[in-house]
C-alpha atoms as a PDB file:
ATOM      1  CA  MET A   1      13.622  39.518  -1.260  1.00  0.00           C
ATOM      2  CA  ILE A   2      16.823  41.125  -1.906  1.00  0.00           C
ATOM      3  CA  ARG A   3      15.589  44.749  -0.932  1.00  0.00           C
ATOM      4  CA  THR A   4      14.206  43.348   2.397  1.00  0.00           C
ATOM      5  CA  LEU A   5      17.819  42.233   3.267  1.00  0.00           C
ATOM      6  CA  ALA A   6      19.385  45.379   2.324  1.00  0.00           C
ATOM      7  CA  ALA A   7      16.418  47.396   4.436  1.00  0.00           C
ATOM      8  CA  GLY A   8      17.437  44.774   7.341  1.00  0.00           C
ATOM      9  CA  LEU A   9      21.293  45.242   6.732  1.00  0.00           C
ATOM     10  CA  ALA A  10      20.876  48.956   6.439  1.00  0.00           C
ATOM     11  CA  LEU A  11      18.911  49.226   9.919  1.00  0.00           C
ATOM     12  CA  LEU A  12      21.095  46.797  11.743  1.00  0.00           C
ATOM     13  CA  ALA A  13      23.808  49.267  10.832  1.00  0.00           C
ATOM     14  CA  LEU A  14      21.809  52.658  11.813  1.00  0.00           C
ATOM     15  CA  ALA A  15      21.320  50.800  15.546  1.00  0.00           C
ATOM     16  CA  ALA A  16      24.592  50.325  15.701  1.00  0.00           C
ATOM     17  CA  CYS A  17      25.453  53.920  15.106  1.00  0.00           C
ATOM     18  CA  GLY A  18      22.970  55.054  17.975  1.00  0.00           C
ATOM     19  CA  SER A  19      23.822  56.121  21.186  1.00  0.00           C
ATOM     20  CA  GLY A  20      22.153  53.650  23.052  1.00  0.00           C
ATOM     21  CA  GLN A  21      23.992  50.161  23.152  1.00  0.00           C
ATOM     22  CA  ASP A  22      20.225  48.782  24.404  1.00  0.00           C
ATOM     23  CA  ALA A  23      18.130  49.993  21.435  1.00  0.00           C
ATOM     24  CA  ALA A  24      20.661  48.931  18.886  1.00  0.00           C
ATOM     25  CA  GLU A  25      20.589  45.228  20.308  1.00  0.00           C
ATOM     26  CA  GLU A  26      17.013  45.669  19.785  1.00  0.00           C
ATOM     27  CA  ASN A  27      16.782  46.753  16.513  1.00  0.00           C
ATOM     28  CA  ALA A  28      19.133  44.665  15.393  1.00  0.00           C
ATOM     29  CA  GLN A  29      16.942  41.690  17.296  1.00  0.00           C
ATOM     30  CA  GLU A  30      14.241  42.970  15.647  1.00  0.00           C
ATOM     31  CA  ALA A  31      15.260  43.371  11.999  1.00  0.00           C
ATOM     32  CA  GLU A  32      17.041  39.513  12.340  1.00  0.00           C
ATOM     33  CA  ALA A  33      13.651  37.935  13.469  1.00  0.00           C
ATOM     34  CA  GLU A  34      11.663  39.874  10.598  1.00  0.00           C
ATOM     35  CA  LEU A  35      14.148  38.831   7.889  1.00  0.00           C
ATOM     36  CA  GLU A  36      14.347  35.079   9.483  1.00  0.00           C
ATOM     37  CA  ALA A  37      10.556  35.305   9.029  1.00  0.00           C
ATOM     38  CA  GLN A  38      10.255  36.385   5.590  1.00  0.00           C
ATOM     39  CA  LEU A  39      12.841  33.770   4.110  1.00  0.00           C
ATOM     40  CA  THR A  40      11.338  30.935   6.147  1.00  0.00           C
ATOM     41  CA  PRO A  41       8.163  29.577   4.455  1.00  0.00           C
ATOM     42  CA  ALA A  42       5.140  28.742   6.758  1.00  0.00           C
ATOM     43  CA  ALA A  43       4.327  25.512   7.832  1.00  0.00           C
ATOM     44  CA  ASP A  44       1.400  25.659   5.920  1.00  0.00           C
ATOM     45  CA  GLU A  45       3.228  26.728   2.786  1.00  0.00           C
ATOM     46  CA  THR A  46       5.314  23.480   3.139  1.00  0.00           C
ATOM     47  CA  ALA A  47       2.724  20.984   3.966  1.00  0.00           C
ATOM     48  CA  GLN A  48       0.553  22.322   1.239  1.00  0.00           C
ATOM     49  CA  ALA A  49       3.519  21.485  -1.082  1.00  0.00           C
ATOM     50  CA  ASP A  50       3.973  18.201  -0.509  1.00  0.00           C
ATOM     51  CA  GLU A  51       0.030  17.402  -0.839  1.00  0.00           C
ATOM     52  CA  GLU A  52       0.680  19.026  -4.420  1.00  0.00           C
ATOM     53  CA  THR A  53       3.685  16.473  -5.178  1.00  0.00           C
ATOM     54  CA  PRO A  54       2.682  13.133  -3.700  1.00  0.00           C
ATOM     55  CA  VAL A  55       4.977  10.039  -4.497  1.00  0.00           C
ATOM     56  CA  GLU A  56       2.744   7.453  -6.420  1.00  0.00           C
ATOM     57  CA  VAL A  57       3.320   3.768  -5.304  1.00  0.00           C
ATOM     58  CA  THR A  58       2.809   1.520  -7.896  1.00  0.00           C
ATOM     59  CA  ILE A  59       3.143  -2.321  -8.533  1.00  0.00           C
ATOM     60  CA  PRO A  60       6.531  -4.077  -8.902  1.00  0.00           C
ATOM     61  CA  LYS A  61       6.747  -4.447 -12.672  1.00  0.00           C
ATOM     62  CA  SER A  62       7.605  -8.274 -11.910  1.00  0.00           C
ATOM     63  CA  ILE A  63       4.236  -8.745 -10.624  1.00  0.00           C
ATOM     64  CA  GLN A  64       2.356  -6.302 -13.766  1.00  0.00           C
ATOM     65  CA  GLY A  65       1.035  -7.907 -16.665  1.00  0.00           C
ATOM     66  CA  ARG A  66      -1.653 -11.425 -17.695  1.00  0.00           C
ATOM     67  CA  TRP A  67      -1.709 -14.328 -15.193  1.00  0.00           C
ATOM     68  CA  GLY A  68      -4.145 -17.423 -15.404  1.00  0.00           C
ATOM     69  CA  LEU A  69      -4.959 -19.805 -13.061  1.00  0.00           C
ATOM     70  CA  VAL A  70      -4.876 -22.408 -15.791  1.00  0.00           C
ATOM     71  CA  GLU A  71      -3.646 -21.553 -19.563  1.00  0.00           C
ATOM     72  CA  ALA A  72      -6.660 -21.372 -21.106  1.00  0.00           C
ATOM     73  CA  ASP A  73      -7.208 -18.570 -19.304  1.00  0.00           C
ATOM     74  CA  CYS A  74      -4.472 -16.508 -21.265  1.00  0.00           C
ATOM     75  CA  THR A  75      -5.649 -17.877 -24.681  1.00  0.00           C
ATOM     76  CA  SER A  76      -9.340 -17.571 -24.796  1.00  0.00           C
ATOM     77  CA  THR A  77     -10.897 -15.209 -27.131  1.00  0.00           C
ATOM     78  CA  ALA A  78     -14.652 -15.722 -26.302  1.00  0.00           C
ATOM     79  CA  GLY A  79     -14.123 -13.575 -22.861  1.00  0.00           C
ATOM     80  CA  ASP A  80     -14.650 -16.369 -20.604  1.00  0.00           C
ATOM     81  CA  ALA A  81     -11.429 -16.405 -19.164  1.00  0.00           C
ATOM     82  CA  LYS A  82     -12.638 -16.457 -15.525  1.00  0.00           C
ATOM     83  CA  GLY A  83      -9.283 -16.975 -14.123  1.00  0.00           C
ATOM     84  CA  LEU A  84      -7.533 -14.475 -15.925  1.00  0.00           C
ATOM     85  CA  LEU A  85      -5.478 -11.484 -13.722  1.00  0.00           C
ATOM     86  CA  THR A  86      -4.788  -8.255 -15.074  1.00  0.00           C
ATOM     87  CA  ILE A  87      -2.514  -6.419 -13.057  1.00  0.00           C
ATOM     88  CA  THR A  88      -1.830  -3.013 -13.935  1.00  0.00           C
ATOM     89  CA  PRO A  89       0.711  -0.596 -12.096  1.00  0.00           C
ATOM     90  CA  THR A  90      -2.031   0.221  -9.648  1.00  0.00           C
ATOM     91  CA  ARG A  91      -5.189  -2.391  -9.952  1.00  0.00           C
ATOM     92  CA  LEU A  92      -6.151  -5.617 -10.127  1.00  0.00           C
ATOM     93  CA  GLU A  93      -8.126  -6.653 -13.041  1.00  0.00           C
ATOM     94  CA  PHE A  94     -10.546  -9.581 -12.577  1.00  0.00           C
ATOM     95  CA  TYR A  95     -13.285 -11.291 -14.633  1.00  0.00           C
ATOM     96  CA  GLU A  96     -15.637  -9.713 -12.516  1.00  0.00           C
ATOM     97  CA  SER A  97     -14.108  -6.944 -10.222  1.00  0.00           C
ATOM     98  CA  VAL A  98     -11.554  -4.569 -10.020  1.00  0.00           C
ATOM     99  CA  GLY A  99      -9.516  -3.524  -7.118  1.00  0.00           C
ATOM    100  CA  LYS A 100      -7.766  -0.031  -7.413  1.00  0.00           C
ATOM    101  CA  LEU A 101      -4.447   0.126  -5.203  1.00  0.00           C
ATOM    102  CA  THR A 102      -5.242   2.169  -1.584  1.00  0.00           C
ATOM    103  CA  ASP A 103      -2.392   1.517   0.642  1.00  0.00           C
ATOM    104  CA  VAL A 104       0.837  -0.491   0.372  1.00  0.00           C
ATOM    105  CA  THR A 105       2.324  -1.819   3.784  1.00  0.00           C
ATOM    106  CA  GLU A 106       5.159  -4.217   2.109  1.00  0.00           C
ATOM    107  CA  LEU A 107       7.051  -3.475  -1.539  1.00  0.00           C
ATOM    108  CA  ALA A 108      10.230  -5.329  -2.922  1.00  0.00           C
ATOM    109  CA  PRO A 109      11.094  -6.236  -6.607  1.00  0.00           C
ATOM    110  CA  ASN A 110       8.907  -9.130  -6.526  1.00  0.00           C
ATOM    111  CA  HIS A 111       6.659  -8.972  -3.457  1.00  0.00           C
ATOM    112  CA  LEU A 112       3.640  -6.644  -2.347  1.00  0.00           C
ATOM    113  CA  ARG A 113       1.406  -6.623   0.409  1.00  0.00           C
ATOM    114  CA  ALA A 114      -0.964  -3.972   0.071  1.00  0.00           C
ATOM    115  CA  LEU A 115      -4.697  -2.604   0.781  1.00  0.00           C
ATOM    116  CA  PHE A 116      -7.161  -2.506  -2.340  1.00  0.00           C
ATOM    117  CA  SER A 117     -10.510  -0.774  -3.177  1.00  0.00           C
ATOM    118  CA  PHE A 118     -12.878  -3.343  -5.118  1.00  0.00           C
ATOM    119  CA  THR A 119     -15.668  -3.139  -7.144  1.00  0.00           C
ATOM    120  CA  GLY A 120     -17.801  -5.664  -9.193  1.00  0.00           C
ATOM    121  CA  GLU A 121     -21.469  -6.758  -9.498  1.00  0.00           C
ATOM    122  CA  GLY A 122     -22.772  -3.655  -7.947  1.00  0.00           C
ATOM    123  CA  LEU A 123     -21.024  -4.506  -4.566  1.00  0.00           C
ATOM    124  CA  GLU A 124     -17.515  -2.374  -3.250  1.00  0.00           C
ATOM    125  CA  TRP A 125     -15.390  -4.009  -0.484  1.00  0.00           C
ATOM    126  CA  GLN A 126     -11.688  -3.533   0.354  1.00  0.00           C
ATOM    127  CA  ARG A 127      -9.005  -6.772   1.055  1.00  0.00           C
ATOM    128  CA  GLU A 128      -5.833  -6.802   1.474  1.00  0.00           C
ATOM    129  CA  GLN A 129      -3.588  -8.583  -1.119  1.00  0.00           C
ATOM    130  CA  VAL A 130      -0.162 -10.280  -0.475  1.00  0.00           C
ATOM    131  CA  LEU A 131       1.465 -10.328  -4.285  1.00  0.00           C
ATOM    132  CA  ASN A 132       4.791 -12.684  -4.854  1.00  0.00           C
ATOM    133  CA  ALA A 133       6.566 -13.166  -8.045  1.00  0.00           C
ATOM    134  CA  SER A 134       8.863 -15.911  -8.706  1.00  0.00           C
ATOM    135  CA  GLU A 135      12.444 -14.929  -9.451  1.00  0.00           C
ATOM    136  CA  ASP A 136      12.227 -16.662 -12.935  1.00  0.00           C
ATOM    137  CA  GLY A 137       8.654 -14.289 -13.559  1.00  0.00           C
ATOM    138  CA  LYS A 138       6.453 -17.366 -14.251  1.00  0.00           C
ATOM    139  CA  THR A 139       4.464 -17.977 -11.650  1.00  0.00           C
ATOM    140  CA  LEU A 140       2.347 -15.279  -9.333  1.00  0.00           C
ATOM    141  CA  THR A 141       1.157 -16.579  -6.077  1.00  0.00           C
ATOM    142  CA  ARG A 142      -1.873 -14.343  -4.702  1.00  0.00           C
ATOM    143  CA  ARG A 143      -2.809 -14.668  -1.155  1.00  0.00           C
ATOM    144  CA  GLU A 144      -5.798 -12.643   0.229  1.00  0.00           C
ATOM    145  CA  MET A 145      -5.808 -11.049   4.187  1.00  0.00           C
ATOM    146  CA  GLY A 146      -8.341 -10.520   7.072  1.00  0.00           C
ATOM    147  CA  ASP A 147     -12.190 -11.673   7.379  1.00  0.00           C
ATOM    148  CA  GLY A 148     -13.557 -13.208   4.405  1.00  0.00           C
ATOM    149  CA  ALA A 149     -10.599 -13.867   2.841  1.00  0.00           C
ATOM    150  CA  ALA A 150      -9.826 -17.163   0.898  1.00  0.00           C
ATOM    151  CA  PRO A 151      -8.415 -19.504   2.651  1.00  0.00           C
ATOM    152  CA  LYS A 152      -5.890 -20.900   0.121  1.00  0.00           C
ATOM    153  CA  PRO A 153      -3.438 -18.997  -1.917  1.00  0.00           C
ATOM    154  CA  PHE A 154      -4.117 -18.381  -5.685  1.00  0.00           C
ATOM    155  CA  ARG A 155      -1.407 -19.783  -7.966  1.00  0.00           C
ATOM    156  CA  TYR A 156      -1.172 -18.111 -11.666  1.00  0.00           C
ATOM    157  CA  ILE A 157       1.165 -18.817 -14.759  1.00  0.00           C
ATOM    158  CA  GLN A 158       2.385 -16.037 -16.227  1.00  0.00           C
ATOM    159  CA  CYS A 159       0.337 -15.272 -19.474  1.00  0.00           C
ATOM    160  CA  SER A 160       3.384 -14.742 -21.761  1.00  0.00           C
ATOM    161  CA  LYS A 161       5.081 -17.601 -20.912  1.00  0.00           C
ATOM    162  CA  ALA A 162       2.117 -20.217 -20.622  1.00  0.00           C
ATOM    163  CA  GLU A 163       3.756 -23.559 -20.738  1.00  0.00           C
ATOM    164  CA  VAL A 164       3.830 -24.329 -17.053  1.00  0.00           C
ATOM    165  CA  THR A 165       1.479 -26.893 -15.354  1.00  0.00           C
ATOM    166  CA  SER A 166      -0.845 -24.831 -13.103  1.00  0.00           C
ATOM    167  CA  GLU A 167      -2.683 -25.637  -9.574  1.00  0.00           C
ATOM    168  CA  GLY A 168      -5.728 -23.887 -10.618  1.00  0.00           C
ATOM    169  CA  GLY A 169      -8.933 -24.110  -8.913  1.00  0.00           C
ATOM    170  CA  ASP A 170     -11.788 -21.530  -8.739  1.00  0.00           C
ATOM    171  CA  SER A 171     -11.945 -18.784 -10.610  1.00  0.00           C
ATOM    172  CA  GLY A 172      -9.647 -16.223  -8.247  1.00  0.00           C
ATOM    173  CA  GLU A 173     -12.278 -13.572  -8.034  1.00  0.00           C
ATOM    174  CA  SER A 174     -12.259 -11.455  -4.840  1.00  0.00           C
END
C-alpha cells in the first residue's frame, strides 16, 4: 500500500511538472481516484466482515436458571417435574419441548420479549414469549403471545430460592 501511495505521489509530481495544466489536473485526479479505490474497502467486503462477526444477544442473566411452577418441580429427582423451566442464554427448556431464541424485540435487565423456535414431541412451531423476572429474583412471569397462546401468564418460582408460595397451574409447556 505504501508503494502504491508513493507511486501515486510521484505521478502527481510528474504531472505538475508537465507543460499542460489540463493534463496535470487530469493525471492528478486519476492518481487520486486510484489511490482512494485502493484504500477504501469494497462494500461487499464490509458486508462480509459484518456477517462473520455477528453480535449474539442472549437472555438476561436475571432470567436464566431453573424455575418451577410449584416447589416440587424444583426438587423432584424422579424426572417428573413437568412444570420445570430451565432457561439458558439462548434456550427455554421445558419437560417435553425446547425453544431456541431466534429474534429479540425487547430487552432489559429483567425483561425479554422474543420469538422462539420450538421443537418437541415430533412437532416444530414458533411462539413469541415475554419473560419478566421480579426485582428480587424470586419469581418469573412468562406470557405467550400470538395465535394459540395460553390465555393467562405462567408464574414460576426460582428453584434456588424455593421458599415462595406459587400460583402454579398447568404444566407450563408451550
